[in-house]
N, C-alpha and C. Protein backbone atom coordinates (compact mmCIF):
# COMPACT_ATOMS: atom_id res chain seq x y z
N UNK A 1 0.84 -1.18 0.00
CA UNK A 1 0.00 0.00 0.00
C UNK A 1 0.89 1.24 0.00
N UNK A 2 0.57 2.18 -0.85
CA UNK A 2 1.31 3.43 -0.96
C UNK A 2 0.72 4.47 -0.02
N UNK A 3 1.55 5.04 0.82
CA UNK A 3 1.10 6.09 1.73
C UNK A 3 1.75 7.40 1.31
N UNK A 4 0.93 8.39 0.99
CA UNK A 4 1.42 9.70 0.58
C UNK A 4 1.35 10.67 1.73
N UNK A 5 2.30 11.58 1.77
CA UNK A 5 2.23 12.65 2.76
C UNK A 5 1.15 13.63 2.35
N UNK A 6 0.71 14.42 3.28
CA UNK A 6 -0.32 15.43 2.98
C UNK A 6 0.19 16.41 1.92
N UNK A 7 1.49 16.65 1.92
CA UNK A 7 2.06 17.58 0.93
C UNK A 7 2.05 16.96 -0.47
N UNK A 8 2.30 15.66 -0.55
CA UNK A 8 2.22 14.99 -1.85
C UNK A 8 0.78 14.98 -2.35
N UNK A 9 -0.16 14.76 -1.44
CA UNK A 9 -1.58 14.76 -1.82
C UNK A 9 -1.97 16.15 -2.34
N UNK A 10 -1.54 17.20 -1.66
CA UNK A 10 -1.85 18.57 -2.10
C UNK A 10 -1.25 18.85 -3.47
N UNK A 11 0.02 18.48 -3.67
CA UNK A 11 0.68 18.70 -4.96
C UNK A 11 -0.05 17.95 -6.07
N UNK A 12 -0.41 16.70 -5.83
CA UNK A 12 -1.11 15.91 -6.84
C UNK A 12 -2.52 16.45 -7.10
N UNK A 13 -3.17 16.96 -6.06
CA UNK A 13 -4.50 17.56 -6.23
C UNK A 13 -4.41 18.77 -7.17
N UNK A 14 -3.39 19.59 -6.98
CA UNK A 14 -3.19 20.76 -7.85
C UNK A 14 -2.98 20.29 -9.29
N UNK A 15 -2.15 19.27 -9.48
CA UNK A 15 -1.91 18.74 -10.83
C UNK A 15 -3.20 18.23 -11.46
N UNK A 16 -4.02 17.51 -10.68
CA UNK A 16 -5.30 16.99 -11.21
C UNK A 16 -6.24 18.12 -11.61
N UNK A 17 -6.27 19.17 -10.80
CA UNK A 17 -7.11 20.33 -11.14
C UNK A 17 -6.63 20.98 -12.44
N UNK A 18 -5.33 21.09 -12.60
CA UNK A 18 -4.77 21.68 -13.82
C UNK A 18 -5.08 20.79 -15.03
N UNK A 19 -4.97 19.48 -14.86
CA UNK A 19 -5.31 18.56 -15.94
C UNK A 19 -6.77 18.75 -16.36
N UNK A 20 -7.64 18.86 -15.38
CA UNK A 20 -9.07 19.05 -15.65
C UNK A 20 -9.30 20.37 -16.40
N UNK A 21 -8.62 21.42 -15.96
CA UNK A 21 -8.77 22.73 -16.62
C UNK A 21 -8.34 22.65 -18.08
N UNK A 22 -7.22 22.01 -18.34
CA UNK A 22 -6.73 21.88 -19.71
C UNK A 22 -7.68 21.01 -20.53
N UNK A 23 -8.20 19.95 -19.94
CA UNK A 23 -9.12 19.07 -20.68
C UNK A 23 -10.40 19.81 -21.08
N UNK A 24 -10.77 20.82 -20.30
CA UNK A 24 -11.95 21.63 -20.63
C UNK A 24 -11.59 22.87 -21.46
N UNK A 25 -10.31 22.95 -21.84
CA UNK A 25 -9.78 24.04 -22.66
C UNK A 25 -9.86 25.41 -21.98
N UNK A 26 -9.72 25.41 -20.65
CA UNK A 26 -9.65 26.68 -19.92
C UNK A 26 -8.26 27.27 -20.12
N UNK A 27 -8.19 28.58 -20.16
CA UNK A 27 -6.91 29.27 -20.30
C UNK A 27 -6.33 29.69 -18.97
N UNK A 28 -7.17 29.70 -17.94
CA UNK A 28 -6.69 30.14 -16.63
C UNK A 28 -7.40 29.39 -15.52
N UNK A 29 -6.77 29.40 -14.35
CA UNK A 29 -7.35 28.80 -13.16
C UNK A 29 -6.80 29.53 -11.94
N UNK A 30 -7.61 29.66 -10.92
CA UNK A 30 -7.17 30.28 -9.67
C UNK A 30 -7.44 29.31 -8.53
N UNK A 31 -6.50 29.23 -7.62
CA UNK A 31 -6.62 28.39 -6.44
C UNK A 31 -6.62 29.26 -5.20
N UNK A 32 -7.43 28.93 -4.21
CA UNK A 32 -7.25 29.55 -2.90
C UNK A 32 -6.01 28.91 -2.27
N UNK A 33 -5.53 29.46 -1.20
CA UNK A 33 -4.39 28.87 -0.48
C UNK A 33 -4.90 27.60 0.21
N UNK A 34 -4.89 26.49 -0.52
CA UNK A 34 -5.49 25.24 -0.07
C UNK A 34 -4.89 24.74 1.24
N UNK A 35 -5.75 24.35 2.15
CA UNK A 35 -5.32 23.76 3.41
C UNK A 35 -5.00 24.73 4.52
N UNK A 36 -5.03 26.02 4.22
CA UNK A 36 -4.60 27.01 5.22
C UNK A 36 -5.74 27.52 6.10
N UNK A 37 -6.95 27.09 5.82
CA UNK A 37 -8.10 27.51 6.63
C UNK A 37 -8.30 26.56 7.80
N UNK A 38 -9.34 25.77 7.73
CA UNK A 38 -9.67 24.85 8.82
C UNK A 38 -8.58 23.83 9.10
N UNK A 39 -7.83 23.43 8.07
CA UNK A 39 -6.78 22.44 8.28
C UNK A 39 -5.52 23.05 8.91
N UNK A 40 -5.42 24.36 8.89
CA UNK A 40 -4.34 25.10 9.56
C UNK A 40 -2.93 24.75 9.06
N UNK A 41 -2.80 24.45 7.78
CA UNK A 41 -1.47 24.23 7.23
C UNK A 41 -0.72 25.55 7.23
N UNK A 42 0.58 25.52 7.44
CA UNK A 42 1.36 26.76 7.35
C UNK A 42 1.27 27.33 5.93
N UNK A 43 1.00 28.61 5.84
CA UNK A 43 0.79 29.25 4.54
C UNK A 43 1.98 29.09 3.61
N UNK A 44 3.17 29.33 4.11
CA UNK A 44 4.34 29.25 3.23
C UNK A 44 4.56 27.82 2.72
N UNK A 45 4.32 26.82 3.55
CA UNK A 45 4.48 25.43 3.13
C UNK A 45 3.41 25.04 2.11
N UNK A 46 2.18 25.43 2.36
CA UNK A 46 1.09 25.11 1.43
C UNK A 46 1.33 25.79 0.08
N UNK A 47 1.73 27.05 0.10
CA UNK A 47 1.99 27.76 -1.16
C UNK A 47 3.15 27.13 -1.92
N UNK A 48 4.22 26.77 -1.20
CA UNK A 48 5.37 26.13 -1.86
C UNK A 48 4.97 24.80 -2.49
N UNK A 49 4.15 24.05 -1.79
CA UNK A 49 3.68 22.76 -2.30
C UNK A 49 2.82 22.96 -3.55
N UNK A 50 1.95 23.96 -3.50
CA UNK A 50 1.10 24.24 -4.66
C UNK A 50 1.93 24.68 -5.86
N UNK A 51 2.92 25.52 -5.61
CA UNK A 51 3.81 25.97 -6.69
C UNK A 51 4.55 24.77 -7.28
N UNK A 52 4.98 23.83 -6.42
CA UNK A 52 5.65 22.62 -6.91
C UNK A 52 4.72 21.82 -7.84
N UNK A 53 3.45 21.74 -7.49
CA UNK A 53 2.48 21.06 -8.36
C UNK A 53 2.31 21.77 -9.69
N UNK A 54 2.28 23.10 -9.64
CA UNK A 54 2.14 23.89 -10.87
C UNK A 54 3.37 23.70 -11.75
N UNK A 55 4.55 23.73 -11.16
CA UNK A 55 5.79 23.54 -11.91
C UNK A 55 5.84 22.14 -12.53
N UNK A 56 5.45 21.13 -11.75
CA UNK A 56 5.43 19.75 -12.25
C UNK A 56 4.50 19.64 -13.46
N UNK A 57 3.32 20.20 -13.34
CA UNK A 57 2.35 20.16 -14.43
C UNK A 57 2.87 20.92 -15.65
N UNK A 58 3.44 22.08 -15.42
CA UNK A 58 3.89 22.96 -16.51
C UNK A 58 5.06 22.37 -17.30
N UNK A 59 5.77 21.42 -16.72
CA UNK A 59 6.89 20.80 -17.44
C UNK A 59 6.41 20.04 -18.67
N UNK A 60 5.15 19.56 -18.65
CA UNK A 60 4.64 18.75 -19.75
C UNK A 60 3.39 19.32 -20.40
N UNK A 61 2.81 20.36 -19.82
CA UNK A 61 1.54 20.89 -20.29
C UNK A 61 1.59 22.41 -20.33
N UNK A 62 0.57 22.98 -20.95
CA UNK A 62 0.53 24.44 -21.04
C UNK A 62 -0.84 24.94 -20.59
N UNK A 63 -0.80 25.93 -19.73
CA UNK A 63 -1.98 26.69 -19.34
C UNK A 63 -1.51 28.13 -19.20
N UNK A 64 -2.28 29.07 -19.66
CA UNK A 64 -1.83 30.45 -19.76
C UNK A 64 -1.67 31.16 -18.43
N UNK A 65 -2.60 30.94 -17.52
CA UNK A 65 -2.63 31.76 -16.30
C UNK A 65 -3.04 30.90 -15.11
N UNK A 66 -2.13 30.74 -14.15
CA UNK A 66 -2.42 30.01 -12.92
C UNK A 66 -2.14 30.97 -11.76
N UNK A 67 -3.13 31.12 -10.89
CA UNK A 67 -2.99 32.04 -9.75
C UNK A 67 -3.29 31.33 -8.45
N UNK A 68 -2.54 31.70 -7.43
CA UNK A 68 -2.83 31.27 -6.06
C UNK A 68 -3.30 32.52 -5.33
N UNK A 69 -4.53 32.48 -4.85
CA UNK A 69 -5.14 33.65 -4.23
C UNK A 69 -4.91 33.59 -2.72
N UNK A 70 -4.26 34.63 -2.21
CA UNK A 70 -3.96 34.73 -0.78
C UNK A 70 -4.80 35.85 -0.19
N UNK A 71 -5.34 35.61 0.97
CA UNK A 71 -6.19 36.59 1.62
C UNK A 71 -5.52 37.06 2.90
N UNK A 72 -5.58 38.34 3.13
CA UNK A 72 -5.07 38.86 4.39
C UNK A 72 -4.07 39.98 4.16
N UNK A 73 -3.36 40.32 5.18
CA UNK A 73 -2.39 41.39 5.08
C UNK A 73 -1.24 41.17 6.04
N UNK A 74 -1.07 39.92 6.47
CA UNK A 74 -0.01 39.62 7.42
C UNK A 74 1.36 39.75 6.74
N UNK A 75 2.42 39.97 7.50
CA UNK A 75 3.76 40.03 6.92
C UNK A 75 4.12 38.77 6.14
N UNK A 76 3.64 37.62 6.62
CA UNK A 76 3.90 36.36 5.91
C UNK A 76 3.30 36.39 4.51
N UNK A 77 2.08 36.88 4.37
CA UNK A 77 1.44 36.98 3.06
C UNK A 77 2.13 38.00 2.18
N UNK A 78 2.52 39.11 2.75
CA UNK A 78 3.20 40.14 1.97
C UNK A 78 4.50 39.61 1.39
N UNK A 79 5.21 38.77 2.14
CA UNK A 79 6.43 38.17 1.64
C UNK A 79 6.14 37.20 0.50
N UNK A 80 5.09 36.39 0.62
CA UNK A 80 4.72 35.46 -0.45
C UNK A 80 4.28 36.19 -1.72
N UNK A 81 3.61 37.32 -1.57
CA UNK A 81 3.13 38.07 -2.73
C UNK A 81 4.29 38.58 -3.59
N UNK A 82 5.46 38.73 -3.00
CA UNK A 82 6.63 39.22 -3.74
C UNK A 82 7.29 38.13 -4.58
N UNK A 83 6.97 36.87 -4.30
CA UNK A 83 7.61 35.75 -5.00
C UNK A 83 7.08 35.56 -6.38
């Protein structure tokens, strides 16, 4: 039995969403900061994991516009917005 970490699951979920978007011929997709609400994942870790999924997908596929939507005004978010 294969056991995936929560970060692997998040990365693969992002890839699956991107695959679905491309299959429907969407040019763009936006994600909320997945896992950072009720699940209380650290924002920087969740964002890094999501970016890793986007990079993995983009190595073999094309989508014009992918956004990760961050809410708030904390110093942590301001630092992520600069990346």
